[in-house]
Structures are given as structure tokens and as C-alpha cells.
Amino acid sequence: MREKQTDKQFVQFTARVYGYRAAFVLLRGYIGKGKDTIGKIIAKWAPSSDGNNIQSYINYVSKSTGINASHALKWEDKDDLVEIVRSMAHMESGIIEDKAIIEEAYDLANK
């Protein structure tokens, strides 16, 4: 986390890998509480109450990853979760992230 936070809504990190690590920590919690599909994850991550078009977001992540939106995920599904976070990052920021950075973040979330 950055020492000085300038955004009141979102935590800022010193490097993107740590932001992705935080995303994985959240996803692990979601999955542990039964929010274990792309559909359920997106509904929690980007709720319509924040002005998000949930169905469009779900469709984008599902199509870009090739994972059915109702497929039940497990925390151990590293490859799928990496692709999902990579797709979500693209949706959120427009960045097509280097897969190695997201894989590193998943590994950091397991420590």
C-alpha cells in the first residue's frame, strides 16, 4: 500500500502486482462464501448500485476468458482465476496486463 493515499474510495498500491494480490485475496474470500462463479464474483465486485452494468461486465469476462459465467470455481483453479483477474483488470482500467504479473500476484496471495 502507498504510504499516502490520495483516493478516498480505493486503496492505492506501490506496484500493480500488490493491487492484483489484493484482488485475489478478495476473490478467495468471495469463493469461500459461495460467490464462486464469474456471475457471482462480478455482482459482488462491481454492483449495479455503483452504476455498473453487471450483465455486460459478466459477459465480457466470460467471453474474454472462455469460462462459462456459471462455472463453479475453486481457489485452486489458478489458471482460470488469473485469466479472470486479467480480464477484470482490462475491464476496469483498459490495461491488458502481463500475465506473469497476475500469476505472481496469485502466488503472493497464497503466502
PDB file of N, CA and C in Angstrom:
ATOM      1  N   MET A   1       0.843  -1.171   0.000  1.00  0.00           N
ATOM      2  CA  MET A   1       0.000   0.000   0.000  1.00  0.00           C
ATOM      3  C   MET A   1       0.891   1.238   0.000  1.00  0.00           C
ATOM      4  N   ARG A   2       0.437   2.240  -0.725  1.00  0.00           N
ATOM      5  CA  ARG A   2       1.177   3.503  -0.708  1.00  0.00           C
ATOM      6  C   ARG A   2       1.017   4.162   0.652  1.00  0.00           C
ATOM      7  N   GLU A   3       2.085   4.822   1.091  1.00  0.00           N
ATOM      8  CA  GLU A   3       2.033   5.498   2.384  1.00  0.00           C
ATOM      9  C   GLU A   3       0.978   6.598   2.388  1.00  0.00           C
ATOM     10  N   LYS A   4       0.970   7.410   1.333  1.00  0.00           N
ATOM     11  CA  LYS A   4      -0.015   8.488   1.241  1.00  0.00           C
ATOM     12  C   LYS A   4      -1.096   8.079   0.252  1.00  0.00           C
ATOM     13  N   GLN A   5      -2.326   8.014   0.738  1.00  0.00           N
ATOM     14  CA  GLN A   5      -3.472   7.663  -0.085  1.00  0.00           C
ATOM     15  C   GLN A   5      -4.157   8.941  -0.561  1.00  0.00           C
ATOM     16  N   THR A   6      -4.355   9.059  -1.868  1.00  0.00           N
ATOM     17  CA  THR A   6      -4.987  10.262  -2.422  1.00  0.00           C
ATOM     18  C   THR A   6      -6.375  10.004  -2.984  1.00  0.00           C
ATOM     19  N   ASP A   7      -6.810   8.755  -2.954  1.00  0.00           N
ATOM     20  CA  ASP A   7      -8.134   8.390  -3.447  1.00  0.00           C
ATOM     21  C   ASP A   7      -8.954   7.911  -2.255  1.00  0.00           C
ATOM     22  N   LYS A   8     -10.062   8.562  -1.982  1.00  0.00           N
ATOM     23  CA  LYS A   8     -10.869   8.224  -0.809  1.00  0.00           C
ATOM     24  C   LYS A   8     -11.696   6.951  -0.985  1.00  0.00           C
ATOM     25  N   GLN A   9     -11.874   6.484  -2.230  1.00  0.00           N
ATOM     26  CA  GLN A   9     -12.693   5.302  -2.475  1.00  0.00           C
ATOM     27  C   GLN A   9     -11.887   4.012  -2.605  1.00  0.00           C
ATOM     28  N   PHE A  10     -10.671   4.115  -3.147  1.00  0.00           N
ATOM     29  CA  PHE A  10      -9.902   2.912  -3.452  1.00  0.00           C
ATOM     30  C   PHE A  10      -8.503   2.998  -2.863  1.00  0.00           C
ATOM     31  N   VAL A  11      -8.034   1.888  -2.321  1.00  0.00           N
ATOM     32  CA  VAL A  11      -6.678   1.811  -1.789  1.00  0.00           C
ATOM     33  C   VAL A  11      -5.703   1.870  -2.957  1.00  0.00           C
ATOM     34  N   GLN A  12      -4.611   2.587  -2.758  1.00  0.00           N
ATOM     35  CA  GLN A  12      -3.573   2.701  -3.787  1.00  0.00           C
ATOM     36  C   GLN A  12      -2.341   1.908  -3.348  1.00  0.00           C
ATOM     37  N   PHE A  13      -1.677   1.292  -4.300  1.00  0.00           N
ATOM     38  CA  PHE A  13      -0.541   0.422  -4.034  1.00  0.00           C
ATOM     39  C   PHE A  13       0.719   0.967  -4.690  1.00  0.00           C
ATOM     40  N   THR A  14       1.867   0.522  -4.193  1.00  0.00           N
ATOM     41  CA  THR A  14       3.151   0.968  -4.743  1.00  0.00           C
ATOM     42  C   THR A  14       3.464   0.309  -6.076  1.00  0.00           C
ATOM     43  N   ALA A  15       2.839  -0.830  -6.358  1.00  0.00           N
ATOM     44  CA  ALA A  15       3.033  -1.533  -7.632  1.00  0.00           C
ATOM     45  C   ALA A  15       1.748  -2.285  -7.971  1.00  0.00           C
ATOM     46  N   ARG A  16       1.482  -2.444  -9.252  1.00  0.00           N
ATOM     47  CA  ARG A  16       0.255  -3.119  -9.675  1.00  0.00           C
ATOM     48  C   ARG A  16       0.143  -4.536  -9.126  1.00  0.00           C
ATOM     49  N   VAL A  17       1.269  -5.232  -9.005  1.00  0.00           N
ATOM     50  CA  VAL A  17       1.221  -6.601  -8.506  1.00  0.00           C
ATOM     51  C   VAL A  17       0.542  -6.669  -7.143  1.00  0.00           C
ATOM     52  N   TYR A  18       0.734  -5.660  -6.309  1.00  0.00           N
ATOM     53  CA  TYR A  18       0.119  -5.672  -4.977  1.00  0.00           C
ATOM     54  C   TYR A  18      -1.386  -5.392  -5.050  1.00  0.00           C
ATOM     55  N   GLY A  19      -1.799  -4.615  -6.013  1.00  0.00           N
ATOM     56  CA  GLY A  19      -3.227  -4.411  -6.232  1.00  0.00           C
ATOM     57  C   GLY A  19      -3.896  -5.694  -6.703  1.00  0.00           C
ATOM     58  N   TYR A  20      -3.221  -6.413  -7.595  1.00  0.00           N
ATOM     59  CA  TYR A  20      -3.765  -7.694  -8.055  1.00  0.00           C
ATOM     60  C   TYR A  20      -3.770  -8.711  -6.915  1.00  0.00           C
ATOM     61  N   ARG A  21      -2.738  -8.676  -6.076  1.00  0.00           N
ATOM     62  CA  ARG A  21      -2.722  -9.559  -4.905  1.00  0.00           C
ATOM     63  C   ARG A  21      -3.951  -9.287  -4.037  1.00  0.00           C
ATOM     64  N   ALA A  22      -4.243  -8.012  -3.803  1.00  0.00           N
ATOM     65  CA  ALA A  22      -5.423  -7.645  -3.007  1.00  0.00           C
ATOM     66  C   ALA A  22      -6.703  -8.162  -3.672  1.00  0.00           C
ATOM     67  N   ALA A  23      -6.762  -8.088  -4.991  1.00  0.00           N
ATOM     68  CA  ALA A  23      -7.933  -8.605  -5.713  1.00  0.00           C
ATOM     69  C   ALA A  23      -8.075 -10.106  -5.478  1.00  0.00           C
ATOM     70  N   PHE A  24      -6.961 -10.824  -5.524  1.00  0.00           N
ATOM     71  CA  PHE A  24      -7.021 -12.267  -5.283  1.00  0.00           C
ATOM     72  C   PHE A  24      -7.453 -12.584  -3.852  1.00  0.00           C
ATOM     73  N   VAL A  25      -6.991 -11.808  -2.895  1.00  0.00           N
ATOM     74  CA  VAL A  25      -7.414 -12.018  -1.505  1.00  0.00           C
ATOM     75  C   VAL A  25      -8.936 -11.857  -1.399  1.00  0.00           C
ATOM     76  N   LEU A  26      -9.460 -10.822  -2.057  1.00  0.00           N
ATOM     77  CA  LEU A  26     -10.915 -10.636  -2.071  1.00  0.00           C
ATOM     78  C   LEU A  26     -11.618 -11.812  -2.750  1.00  0.00           C
ATOM     79  N   LEU A  27     -11.094 -12.245  -3.900  1.00  0.00           N
ATOM     80  CA  LEU A  27     -11.721 -13.349  -4.627  1.00  0.00           C
ATOM     81  C   LEU A  27     -11.702 -14.636  -3.804  1.00  0.00           C
ATOM     82  N   ARG A  28     -10.601 -14.869  -3.093  1.00  0.00           N
ATOM     83  CA  ARG A  28     -10.538 -16.063  -2.243  1.00  0.00           C
ATOM     84  C   ARG A  28     -11.657 -16.015  -1.196  1.00  0.00           C
ATOM     85  N   GLY A  29     -11.876 -14.842  -0.628  1.00  0.00           N
ATOM     86  CA  GLY A  29     -12.973 -14.673   0.329  1.00  0.00           C
ATOM     87  C   GLY A  29     -14.331 -14.870  -0.316  1.00  0.00           C
ATOM     88  N   TYR A  30     -14.512 -14.310  -1.514  1.00  0.00           N
ATOM     89  CA  TYR A  30     -15.777 -14.486  -2.231  1.00  0.00           C
ATOM     90  C   TYR A  30     -16.059 -15.975  -2.450  1.00  0.00           C
ATOM     91  N   ILE A  31     -15.054 -16.677  -2.978  1.00  0.00           N
ATOM     92  CA  ILE A  31     -15.210 -18.100  -3.294  1.00  0.00           C
ATOM     93  C   ILE A  31     -15.533 -18.882  -2.020  1.00  0.00           C
ATOM     94  N   GLY A  32     -14.864 -18.546  -0.932  1.00  0.00           N
ATOM     95  CA  GLY A  32     -15.118 -19.210   0.346  1.00  0.00           C
ATOM     96  C   GLY A  32     -16.522 -18.991   0.873  1.00  0.00           C
ATOM     97  N   LYS A  33     -17.165 -17.922   0.422  1.00  0.00           N
ATOM     98  CA  LYS A  33     -18.532 -17.611   0.854  1.00  0.00           C
ATOM     99  C   LYS A  33     -19.574 -17.954  -0.211  1.00  0.00           C
ATOM    100  N   GLY A  34     -19.174 -18.794  -1.181  1.00  0.00           N
ATOM    101  CA  GLY A  34     -20.133 -19.264  -2.181  1.00  0.00           C
ATOM    102  C   GLY A  34     -20.298 -18.373  -3.396  1.00  0.00           C
ATOM    103  N   LYS A  35     -19.578 -17.280  -3.474  1.00  0.00           N
ATOM    104  CA  LYS A  35     -19.610 -16.443  -4.682  1.00  0.00           C
ATOM    105  C   LYS A  35     -18.502 -16.983  -5.596  1.00  0.00           C
ATOM    106  N   ASP A  36     -18.801 -18.124  -6.208  1.00  0.00           N
ATOM    107  CA  ASP A  36     -17.770 -18.918  -6.859  1.00  0.00           C
ATOM    108  C   ASP A  36     -17.926 -19.040  -8.373  1.00  0.00           C
ATOM    109  N   THR A  37     -18.677 -18.132  -8.969  1.00  0.00           N
ATOM    110  CA  THR A  37     -18.796 -18.111 -10.425  1.00  0.00           C
ATOM    111  C   THR A  37     -18.463 -16.695 -10.899  1.00  0.00           C
ATOM    112  N   ILE A  38     -18.169 -16.557 -12.170  1.00  0.00           N
ATOM    113  CA  ILE A  38     -17.929 -15.225 -12.710  1.00  0.00           C
ATOM    114  C   ILE A  38     -19.132 -14.332 -12.430  1.00  0.00           C
ATOM    115  N   GLY A  39     -20.321 -14.864 -12.621  1.00  0.00           N
ATOM    116  CA  GLY A  39     -21.532 -14.079 -12.385  1.00  0.00           C
ATOM    117  C   GLY A  39     -21.633 -13.574 -10.958  1.00  0.00           C
ATOM    118  N   LYS A  40     -21.408 -14.453 -10.003  1.00  0.00           N
ATOM    119  CA  LYS A  40     -21.498 -14.070  -8.592  1.00  0.00           C
ATOM    120  C   LYS A  40     -20.351 -13.147  -8.184  1.00  0.00           C
ATOM    121  N   ILE A  41     -19.161 -13.404  -8.708  1.00  0.00           N
ATOM    122  CA  ILE A  41     -17.996 -12.565  -8.387  1.00  0.00           C
ATOM    123  C   ILE A  41     -18.221 -11.139  -8.882  1.00  0.00           C
ATOM    124  N   ILE A  42     -18.633 -11.002 -10.130  1.00  0.00           N
ATOM    125  CA  ILE A  42     -18.837  -9.668 -10.711  1.00  0.00           C
ATOM    126  C   ILE A  42     -19.957  -8.926  -9.990  1.00  0.00           C
ATOM    127  N   ALA A  43     -21.024  -9.624  -9.648  1.00  0.00           N
ATOM    128  CA  ALA A  43     -22.132  -8.976  -8.941  1.00  0.00           C
ATOM    129  C   ALA A  43     -21.667  -8.392  -7.610  1.00  0.00           C
ATOM    130  N   LYS A  44     -20.727  -9.054  -6.952  1.00  0.00           N
ATOM    131  CA  LYS A  44     -20.175  -8.557  -5.685  1.00  0.00           C
ATOM    132  C   LYS A  44     -19.119  -7.477  -5.946  1.00  0.00           C
ATOM    133  N   TRP A  45     -18.241  -7.713  -6.905  1.00  0.00           N
ATOM    134  CA  TRP A  45     -17.107  -6.832  -7.204  1.00  0.00           C
ATOM    135  C   TRP A  45     -17.557  -5.480  -7.753  1.00  0.00           C
ATOM    136  N   ALA A  46     -18.514  -5.506  -8.648  1.00  0.00           N
ATOM    137  CA  ALA A  46     -18.937  -4.289  -9.363  1.00  0.00           C
ATOM    138  C   ALA A  46     -20.457  -4.186  -9.339  1.00  0.00           C
ATOM    139  N   PRO A  47     -21.036  -3.946  -8.181  1.00  0.00           N
ATOM    140  CA  PRO A  47     -22.503  -3.962  -8.063  1.00  0.00           C
ATOM    141  C   PRO A  47     -23.181  -2.872  -8.891  1.00  0.00           C
ATOM    142  N   SER A  48     -24.415  -3.147  -9.254  1.00  0.00           N
ATOM    143  CA  SER A  48     -25.180  -2.167 -10.027  1.00  0.00           C
ATOM    144  C   SER A  48     -25.404  -0.889  -9.227  1.00  0.00           C
ATOM    145  N   SER A  49     -25.388  -0.992  -7.899  1.00  0.00           N
ATOM    146  CA  SER A  49     -25.556   0.201  -7.057  1.00  0.00           C
ATOM    147  C   SER A  49     -24.415   1.208  -7.249  1.00  0.00           C
ATOM    148  N   ASP A  50     -23.302   0.747  -7.827  1.00  0.00           N
ATOM    149  CA  ASP A  50     -22.179   1.639  -8.160  1.00  0.00           C
ATOM    150  C   ASP A  50     -22.258   2.125  -9.604  1.00  0.00           C
ATOM    151  N   GLY A  51     -23.387   1.854 -10.258  1.00  0.00           N
ATOM    152  CA  GLY A  51     -23.567   2.305 -11.636  1.00  0.00           C
ATOM    153  C   GLY A  51     -23.023   1.351 -12.682  1.00  0.00           C
ATOM    154  N   ASN A  52     -22.709   0.132 -12.284  1.00  0.00           N
ATOM    155  CA  ASN A  52     -22.159  -0.840 -13.224  1.00  0.00           C
ATOM    156  C   ASN A  52     -23.258  -1.613 -13.944  1.00  0.00           C
ATOM    157  N   ASN A  53     -22.984  -1.946 -15.199  1.00  0.00           N
ATOM    158  CA  ASN A  53     -23.853  -2.834 -15.957  1.00  0.00           C
ATOM    159  C   ASN A  53     -23.309  -4.246 -15.721  1.00  0.00           C
ATOM    160  N   ILE A  54     -23.853  -4.894 -14.704  1.00  0.00           N
ATOM    161  CA  ILE A  54     -23.322  -6.189 -14.276  1.00  0.00           C
ATOM    162  C   ILE A  54     -23.353  -7.216 -15.400  1.00  0.00           C
ATOM    163  N   GLN A  55     -24.460  -7.315 -16.117  1.00  0.00           N
ATOM    164  CA  GLN A  55     -24.563  -8.345 -17.150  1.00  0.00           C
ATOM    165  C   GLN A  55     -23.543  -8.129 -18.258  1.00  0.00           C
ATOM    166  N   SER A  56     -23.326  -6.890 -18.633  1.00  0.00           N
ATOM    167  CA  SER A  56     -22.318  -6.592 -19.649  1.00  0.00           C
ATOM    168  C   SER A  56     -20.920  -6.979 -19.159  1.00  0.00           C
ATOM    169  N   TYR A  57     -20.633  -6.666 -17.902  1.00  0.00           N
ATOM    170  CA  TYR A  57     -19.341  -6.992 -17.299  1.00  0.00           C
ATOM    171  C   TYR A  57     -19.162  -8.512 -17.263  1.00  0.00           C
ATOM    172  N   ILE A  58     -20.181  -9.234 -16.806  1.00  0.00           N
ATOM    173  CA  ILE A  58     -20.123 -10.696 -16.747  1.00  0.00           C
ATOM    174  C   ILE A  58     -19.891 -11.266 -18.144  1.00  0.00           C
ATOM    175  N   ASN A  59     -20.644 -10.783 -19.119  1.00  0.00           N
ATOM    176  CA  ASN A  59     -20.495 -11.272 -20.494  1.00  0.00           C
ATOM    177  C   ASN A  59     -19.086 -11.039 -21.011  1.00  0.00           C
ATOM    178  N   TYR A  60     -18.525  -9.862 -20.717  1.00  0.00           N
ATOM    179  CA  TYR A  60     -17.174  -9.546 -21.185  1.00  0.00           C
ATOM    180  C   TYR A  60     -16.156 -10.512 -20.578  1.00  0.00           C
ATOM    181  N   VAL A  61     -16.207 -10.682 -19.258  1.00  0.00           N
ATOM    182  CA  VAL A  61     -15.224 -11.545 -18.594  1.00  0.00           C
ATOM    183  C   VAL A  61     -15.382 -12.991 -19.050  1.00  0.00           C
ATOM    184  N   SER A  62     -16.610 -13.452 -19.162  1.00  0.00           N
ATOM    185  CA  SER A  62     -16.848 -14.816 -19.606  1.00  0.00           C
ATOM    186  C   SER A  62     -16.338 -15.035 -21.030  1.00  0.00           C
ATOM    187  N   LYS A  63     -16.658 -14.113 -21.915  1.00  0.00           N
ATOM    188  CA  LYS A  63     -16.229 -14.250 -23.313  1.00  0.00           C
ATOM    189  C   LYS A  63     -14.711 -14.144 -23.443  1.00  0.00           C
ATOM    190  N   SER A  64     -14.112 -13.185 -22.757  1.00  0.00           N
ATOM    191  CA  SER A  64     -12.668 -12.978 -22.918  1.00  0.00           C
ATOM    192  C   SER A  64     -11.839 -14.092 -22.282  1.00  0.00           C
ATOM    193  N   THR A  65     -12.395 -14.780 -21.289  1.00  0.00           N
ATOM    194  CA  THR A  65     -11.658 -15.874 -20.646  1.00  0.00           C
ATOM    195  C   THR A  65     -12.023 -17.243 -21.210  1.00  0.00           C
ATOM    196  N   GLY A  66     -13.189 -17.330 -21.849  1.00  0.00           N
ATOM    197  CA  GLY A  66     -13.662 -18.623 -22.330  1.00  0.00           C
ATOM    198  C   GLY A  66     -14.250 -19.479 -21.217  1.00  0.00           C
ATOM    199  N   ILE A  67     -14.532 -18.861 -20.070  1.00  0.00           N
ATOM    200  CA  ILE A  67     -15.086 -19.584 -18.919  1.00  0.00           C
ATOM    201  C   ILE A  67     -16.561 -19.236 -18.811  1.00  0.00           C
ATOM    202  N   ASN A  68     -17.394 -20.261 -18.745  1.00  0.00           N
ATOM    203  CA  ASN A  68     -18.833 -20.041 -18.596  1.00  0.00           C
ATOM    204  C   ASN A  68     -19.105 -19.256 -17.325  1.00  0.00           C
ATOM    205  N   ALA A  69     -19.994 -18.287 -17.412  1.00  0.00           N
ATOM    206  CA  ALA A  69     -20.294 -17.399 -16.285  1.00  0.00           C
ATOM    207  C   ALA A  69     -20.870 -18.123 -15.081  1.00  0.00           C
ATOM    208  N   SER A  70     -21.405 -19.331 -15.270  1.00  0.00           N
ATOM    209  CA  SER A  70     -21.976 -20.077 -14.146  1.00  0.00           C
ATOM    210  C   SER A  70     -21.110 -21.262 -13.707  1.00  0.00           C
ATOM    211  N   HIS A  71     -19.903 -21.359 -14.277  1.00  0.00           N
ATOM    212  CA  HIS A  71     -18.976 -22.432 -13.889  1.00  0.00           C
ATOM    213  C   HIS A  71     -18.463 -22.189 -12.469  1.00  0.00           C
ATOM    214  N   ALA A  72     -18.622 -23.191 -11.600  1.00  0.00           N
ATOM    215  CA  ALA A  72     -18.161 -23.068 -10.210  1.00  0.00           C
ATOM    216  C   ALA A  72     -16.630 -23.142 -10.158  1.00  0.00           C
ATOM    217  N   LEU A  73     -16.036 -22.140  -9.532  1.00  0.00           N
ATOM    218  CA  LEU A  73     -14.585 -22.048  -9.408  1.00  0.00           C
ATOM    219  C   LEU A  73     -14.146 -22.469  -8.013  1.00  0.00           C
ATOM    220  N   LYS A  74     -12.904 -22.931  -7.928  1.00  0.00           N
ATOM    221  CA  LYS A  74     -12.267 -23.214  -6.648  1.00  0.00           C
ATOM    222  C   LYS A  74     -11.019 -22.336  -6.575  1.00  0.00           C
ATOM    223  N   TRP A  75     -10.578 -22.039  -5.368  1.00  0.00           N
ATOM    224  CA  TRP A  75      -9.382 -21.217  -5.200  1.00  0.00           C
ATOM    225  C   TRP A  75      -8.180 -21.851  -5.906  1.00  0.00           C
ATOM    226  N   GLU A  76      -8.139 -23.160  -5.961  1.00  0.00           N
ATOM    227  CA  GLU A  76      -7.008 -23.868  -6.570  1.00  0.00           C
ATOM    228  C   GLU A  76      -6.994 -23.745  -8.096  1.00  0.00           C
ATOM    229  N   ASP A  77      -8.032 -23.191  -8.703  1.00  0.00           N
ATOM    230  CA  ASP A  77      -8.112 -23.041 -10.162  1.00  0.00           C
ATOM    231  C   ASP A  77      -7.280 -21.829 -10.607  1.00  0.00           C
ATOM    232  N   LYS A  78      -5.981 -21.893 -10.360  1.00  0.00           N
ATOM    233  CA  LYS A  78      -5.096 -20.748 -10.599  1.00  0.00           C
ATOM    234  C   LYS A  78      -5.219 -20.207 -12.017  1.00  0.00           C
ATOM    235  N   ASP A  79      -5.130 -21.068 -13.005  1.00  0.00           N
ATOM    236  CA  ASP A  79      -5.145 -20.586 -14.396  1.00  0.00           C
ATOM    237  C   ASP A  79      -6.432 -19.823 -14.703  1.00  0.00           C
ATOM    238  N   ASP A  80      -7.565 -20.358 -14.266  1.00  0.00           N
ATOM    239  CA  ASP A  80      -8.837 -19.684 -14.505  1.00  0.00           C
ATOM    240  C   ASP A  80      -8.901 -18.352 -13.757  1.00  0.00           C
ATOM    241  N   LEU A  81      -8.495 -18.345 -12.499  1.00  0.00           N
ATOM    242  CA  LEU A  81      -8.561 -17.116 -11.704  1.00  0.00           C
ATOM    243  C   LEU A  81      -7.622 -16.043 -12.247  1.00  0.00           C
ATOM    244  N   VAL A  82      -6.461 -16.451 -12.716  1.00  0.00           N
ATOM    245  CA  VAL A  82      -5.530 -15.488 -13.329  1.00  0.00           C
ATOM    246  C   VAL A  82      -6.174 -14.857 -14.554  1.00  0.00           C
ATOM    247  N   GLU A  83      -6.815 -15.660 -15.380  1.00  0.00           N
ATOM    248  CA  GLU A  83      -7.471 -15.121 -16.579  1.00  0.00           C
ATOM    249  C   GLU A  83      -8.630 -14.199 -16.199  1.00  0.00           C
ATOM    250  N   ILE A  84      -9.369 -14.570 -15.167  1.00  0.00           N
ATOM    251  CA  ILE A  84     -10.493 -13.737 -14.725  1.00  0.00           C
ATOM    252  C   ILE A  84      -9.994 -12.390 -14.217  1.00  0.00           C
ATOM    253  N   VAL A  85      -8.972 -12.392 -13.374  1.00  0.00           N
ATOM    254  CA  VAL A  85      -8.433 -11.126 -12.855  1.00  0.00           C
ATOM    255  C   VAL A  85      -7.831 -10.306 -13.991  1.00  0.00           C
ATOM    256  N   ARG A  86      -7.176 -10.950 -14.916  1.00  0.00           N
ATOM    257  CA  ARG A  86      -6.613 -10.230 -16.072  1.00  0.00           C
ATOM    258  C   ARG A  86      -7.725  -9.552 -16.883  1.00  0.00           C
ATOM    259  N   SER A  87      -8.810 -10.263 -17.089  1.00  0.00           N
ATOM    260  CA  SER A  87      -9.945  -9.716 -17.818  1.00  0.00           C
ATOM    261  C   SER A  87     -10.612  -8.582 -17.043  1.00  0.00           C
ATOM    262  N   MET A  88     -10.769  -8.770 -15.740  1.00  0.00           N
ATOM    263  CA  MET A  88     -11.363  -7.728 -14.907  1.00  0.00           C
ATOM    264  C   MET A  88     -10.483  -6.473 -14.900  1.00  0.00           C
ATOM    265  N   ALA A  89      -9.184  -6.665 -14.862  1.00  0.00           N
ATOM    266  CA  ALA A  89      -8.268  -5.518 -14.900  1.00  0.00           C
ATOM    267  C   ALA A  89      -8.430  -4.754 -16.202  1.00  0.00           C
ATOM    268  N   HIS A  90      -8.595  -5.488 -17.299  1.00  0.00           N
ATOM    269  CA  HIS A  90      -8.800  -4.836 -18.587  1.00  0.00           C
ATOM    270  C   HIS A  90     -10.117  -4.060 -18.587  1.00  0.00           C
ATOM    271  N   MET A  91     -11.148  -4.664 -18.052  1.00  0.00           N
ATOM    272  CA  MET A  91     -12.453  -4.005 -17.984  1.00  0.00           C
ATOM    273  C   MET A  91     -12.391  -2.745 -17.113  1.00  0.00           C
ATOM    274  N   GLU A  92     -11.692  -2.832 -15.996  1.00  0.00           N
ATOM    275  CA  GLU A  92     -11.639  -1.729 -15.035  1.00  0.00           C
ATOM    276  C   GLU A  92     -10.723  -0.584 -15.479  1.00  0.00           C
ATOM    277  N   SER A  93      -9.604  -0.935 -16.130  1.00  0.00           N
ATOM    278  CA  SER A  93      -8.588   0.091 -16.387  1.00  0.00           C
ATOM    279  C   SER A  93      -8.180   0.244 -17.841  1.00  0.00           C
ATOM    280  N   GLY A  94      -8.583  -0.701 -18.671  1.00  0.00           N
ATOM    281  CA  GLY A  94      -8.156  -0.663 -20.063  1.00  0.00           C
ATOM    282  C   GLY A  94      -6.774  -1.263 -20.280  1.00  0.00           C
ATOM    283  N   ILE A  95      -6.126  -1.689 -19.206  1.00  0.00           N
ATOM    284  CA  ILE A  95      -4.788  -2.279 -19.295  1.00  0.00           C
ATOM    285  C   ILE A  95      -4.901  -3.763 -19.612  1.00  0.00           C
ATOM    286  N   ILE A  96      -4.179  -4.200 -20.631  1.00  0.00           N
ATOM    287  CA  ILE A  96      -4.045  -5.629 -20.887  1.00  0.00           C
ATOM    288  C   ILE A  96      -2.749  -6.028 -20.189  1.00  0.00           C
ATOM    289  N   GLU A  97      -2.910  -6.569 -18.997  1.00  0.00           N
ATOM    290  CA  GLU A  97      -1.776  -6.821 -18.118  1.00  0.00           C
ATOM    291  C   GLU A  97      -0.974  -8.028 -18.546  1.00  0.00           C
ATOM    292  N   ASP A  98       0.315  -7.956 -18.283  1.00  0.00           N
ATOM    293  CA  ASP A  98       1.223  -9.075 -18.486  1.00  0.00           C
ATOM    294  C   ASP A  98       0.767 -10.215 -17.561  1.00  0.00           C
ATOM    295  N   LYS A  99       0.522 -11.355 -18.138  1.00  0.00           N
ATOM    296  CA  LYS A  99       0.013 -12.493 -17.371  1.00  0.00           C
ATOM    297  C   LYS A  99       0.961 -12.873 -16.232  1.00  0.00           C
ATOM    298  N   ALA A 100       2.256 -12.714 -16.429  1.00  0.00           N
ATOM    299  CA  ALA A 100       3.231 -13.081 -15.390  1.00  0.00           C
ATOM    300  C   ALA A 100       3.037 -12.255 -14.119  1.00  0.00           C
ATOM    301  N   ILE A 101       2.665 -10.994 -14.259  1.00  0.00           N
ATOM    302  CA  ILE A 101       2.437 -10.141 -13.083  1.00  0.00           C
ATOM    303  C   ILE A 101       1.226 -10.643 -12.299  1.00  0.00           C
ATOM    304  N   ILE A 102       0.200 -11.056 -13.003  1.00  0.00           N
ATOM    305  CA  ILE A 102      -1.008 -11.538 -12.326  1.00  0.00           C
ATOM    306  C   ILE A 102      -0.746 -12.904 -11.693  1.00  0.00           C
ATOM    307  N   GLU A 103       0.031 -13.745 -12.352  1.00  0.00           N
ATOM    308  CA  GLU A 103       0.403 -15.028 -11.748  1.00  0.00           C
ATOM    309  C   GLU A 103       1.218 -14.808 -10.477  1.00  0.00           C
ATOM    310  N   GLU A 104       2.130 -13.846 -10.505  1.00  0.00           N
ATOM    311  CA  GLU A 104       2.918 -13.513  -9.312  1.00  0.00           C
ATOM    312  C   GLU A 104       1.999 -13.052  -8.182  1.00  0.00           C
ATOM    313  N   ALA A 105       1.006 -12.250  -8.516  1.00  0.00           N
ATOM    314  CA  ALA A 105       0.062 -11.754  -7.512  1.00  0.00           C
ATOM    315  C   ALA A 105      -0.726 -12.905  -6.889  1.00  0.00           C
ATOM    316  N   TYR A 106      -1.148 -13.866  -7.706  1.00  0.00           N
ATOM    317  CA  TYR A 106      -1.859 -15.035  -7.169  1.00  0.00           C
ATOM    318  C   TYR A 106      -0.961 -15.761  -6.180  1.00  0.00           C
ATOM    319  N   ASP A 107       0.307 -15.953  -6.568  1.00  0.00           N
ATOM    320  CA  ASP A 107       1.248 -16.637  -5.685  1.00  0.00           C
ATOM    321  C   ASP A 107       1.462 -15.861  -4.386  1.00  0.00           C
ATOM    322  N   LEU A 108       1.546 -14.537  -4.477  1.00  0.00           N
ATOM    323  CA  LEU A 108       1.692 -13.708  -3.267  1.00  0.00           C
ATOM    324  C   LEU A 108       0.465 -13.838  -2.365  1.00  0.00           C
ATOM    325  N   ALA A 109      -0.702 -13.979  -2.947  1.00  0.00           N
ATOM    326  CA  ALA A 109      -1.934 -14.124  -2.157  1.00  0.00           C
ATOM    327  C   ALA A 109      -1.981 -15.443  -1.403  1.00  0.00           C
ATOM    328  N   ASN A 110      -1.147 -16.386  -1.803  1.00  0.00           N
ATOM    329  CA  ASN A 110      -1.089 -17.690  -1.140  1.00  0.00           C
ATOM    330  C   ASN A 110      -0.062 -17.742  -0.026  1.00  0.00           C
ATOM    331  N   LYS A 111       0.663 -16.670   0.179  1.00  0.00           N
ATOM    332  CA  LYS A 111       1.710 -16.666   1.235  1.00  0.00           C
ATOM    333  C   LYS A 111       1.154 -16.205   2.542  1.00  0.00           C
TER     334      LYS A 111
END
